[in-house]
Amino acid sequence: MTRLEAIRDVVRFRYSFRTLVSLPIALLLPFFAAADLSIAGHGVVGWGLLDAVAKEGPGSG
């Protein structure tokens, strides 16, 4: 095995290891981002409903 082949194998191993580590993280990030946005969205909707109830009052319809 020449030195160039050894370097290539090391680089290939490091690249594959990085891919194995980063792939699950990359797959989970959109899930966490969507969950974060949905929580924020529910918070905004919740505050909007509270504001509507406070302005209209509970039996004003």
C-alpha atoms as a PDB file:
ATOM      1  CA  MET A   1       0.000   0.000   0.000  1.00  0.00           C
ATOM      2  CA  THR A   2       1.468   3.285  -1.018  1.00  0.00           C
ATOM      3  CA  ARG A   3       1.343   6.387   1.073  1.00  0.00           C
ATOM      4  CA  LEU A   4      -1.204   7.955  -1.247  1.00  0.00           C
ATOM      5  CA  GLU A   5      -3.540   4.972  -0.856  1.00  0.00           C
ATOM      6  CA  ALA A   6      -3.189   5.140   2.928  1.00  0.00           C
ATOM      7  CA  ILE A   7      -4.044   8.837   2.950  1.00  0.00           C
ATOM      8  CA  ARG A   8      -7.003   8.169   0.660  1.00  0.00           C
ATOM      9  CA  ASP A   9      -8.287   5.448   2.991  1.00  0.00           C
ATOM     10  CA  VAL A  10      -7.978   7.711   6.020  1.00  0.00           C
ATOM     11  CA  VAL A  11      -9.802  10.522   4.235  1.00  0.00           C
ATOM     12  CA  ARG A  12     -12.487   8.110   3.061  1.00  0.00           C
ATOM     13  CA  PHE A  13     -12.946   6.764   6.605  1.00  0.00           C
ATOM     14  CA  ARG A  14     -13.166  10.246   8.094  1.00  0.00           C
ATOM     15  CA  TYR A  15     -15.642  11.331   5.438  1.00  0.00           C
ATOM     16  CA  SER A  16     -17.838   8.263   5.963  1.00  0.00           C
ATOM     17  CA  PHE A  17     -17.683   8.677   9.743  1.00  0.00           C
ATOM     18  CA  ARG A  18     -18.686  12.322   9.428  1.00  0.00           C
ATOM     19  CA  THR A  19     -21.554  11.316   7.160  1.00  0.00           C
ATOM     20  CA  LEU A  20     -22.722   8.662   9.604  1.00  0.00           C
ATOM     21  CA  VAL A  21     -22.690  11.183  12.447  1.00  0.00           C
ATOM     22  CA  SER A  22     -24.159  14.132  10.590  1.00  0.00           C
ATOM     23  CA  LEU A  23     -26.871  12.304   8.649  1.00  0.00           C
ATOM     24  CA  PRO A  24     -29.147  11.564  11.656  1.00  0.00           C
ATOM     25  CA  ILE A  25     -28.622  15.121  12.896  1.00  0.00           C
ATOM     26  CA  ALA A  26     -29.532  16.493   9.475  1.00  0.00           C
ATOM     27  CA  LEU A  27     -32.628  14.297   9.391  1.00  0.00           C
ATOM     28  CA  LEU A  28     -33.748  15.346  12.879  1.00  0.00           C
ATOM     29  CA  LEU A  29     -33.147  19.092  12.512  1.00  0.00           C
ATOM     30  CA  PRO A  30     -36.211  19.763  10.330  1.00  0.00           C
ATOM     31  CA  PHE A  31     -38.339  17.830  12.818  1.00  0.00           C
ATOM     32  CA  PHE A  32     -37.116  19.975  15.716  1.00  0.00           C
ATOM     33  CA  ALA A  33     -37.512  23.140  13.661  1.00  0.00           C
ATOM     34  CA  ALA A  34     -41.081  22.196  12.734  1.00  0.00           C
ATOM     35  CA  ALA A  35     -41.889  21.356  16.360  1.00  0.00           C
ATOM     36  CA  ASP A  36     -40.430  24.683  17.446  1.00  0.00           C
ATOM     37  CA  LEU A  37     -42.487  26.556  14.872  1.00  0.00           C
ATOM     38  CA  SER A  38     -45.658  24.699  15.787  1.00  0.00           C
ATOM     39  CA  ILE A  39     -45.149  25.485  19.478  1.00  0.00           C
ATOM     40  CA  ALA A  40     -44.563  29.130  18.603  1.00  0.00           C
ATOM     41  CA  GLY A  41     -47.600  29.075  16.326  1.00  0.00           C
ATOM     42  CA  HIS A  42     -49.812  27.648  19.047  1.00  0.00           C
ATOM     43  CA  GLY A  43     -48.498  30.290  21.411  1.00  0.00           C
ATOM     44  CA  VAL A  44     -49.404  33.045  18.959  1.00  0.00           C
ATOM     45  CA  VAL A  45     -52.820  31.518  18.293  1.00  0.00           C
ATOM     46  CA  GLY A  46     -53.376  31.102  22.013  1.00  0.00           C
ATOM     47  CA  TRP A  47     -52.547  34.739  22.704  1.00  0.00           C
ATOM     48  CA  GLY A  48     -54.789  35.796  19.804  1.00  0.00           C
ATOM     49  CA  LEU A  49     -57.704  33.837  21.270  1.00  0.00           C
ATOM     50  CA  LEU A  50     -57.099  35.316  24.700  1.00  0.00           C
ATOM     51  CA  ASP A  51     -57.050  38.807  23.216  1.00  0.00           C
ATOM     52  CA  ALA A  52     -60.300  38.129  21.347  1.00  0.00           C
ATOM     53  CA  VAL A  53     -61.989  36.866  24.510  1.00  0.00           C
ATOM     54  CA  ALA A  54     -60.687  39.838  26.489  1.00  0.00           C
ATOM     55  CA  LYS A  55     -61.936  42.329  23.885  1.00  0.00           C
ATOM     56  CA  GLU A  56     -65.265  40.686  23.153  1.00  0.00           C
ATOM     57  CA  GLY A  57     -65.931  39.464  26.638  1.00  0.00           C
ATOM     58  CA  PRO A  58     -67.389  36.016  27.412  1.00  0.00           C
ATOM     59  CA  GLY A  59     -71.094  36.335  26.594  1.00  0.00           C
ATOM     60  CA  SER A  60     -71.085  39.308  24.296  1.00  0.00           C
ATOM     61  CA  GLY A  61     -72.304  37.272  21.300  1.00  0.00           C
END
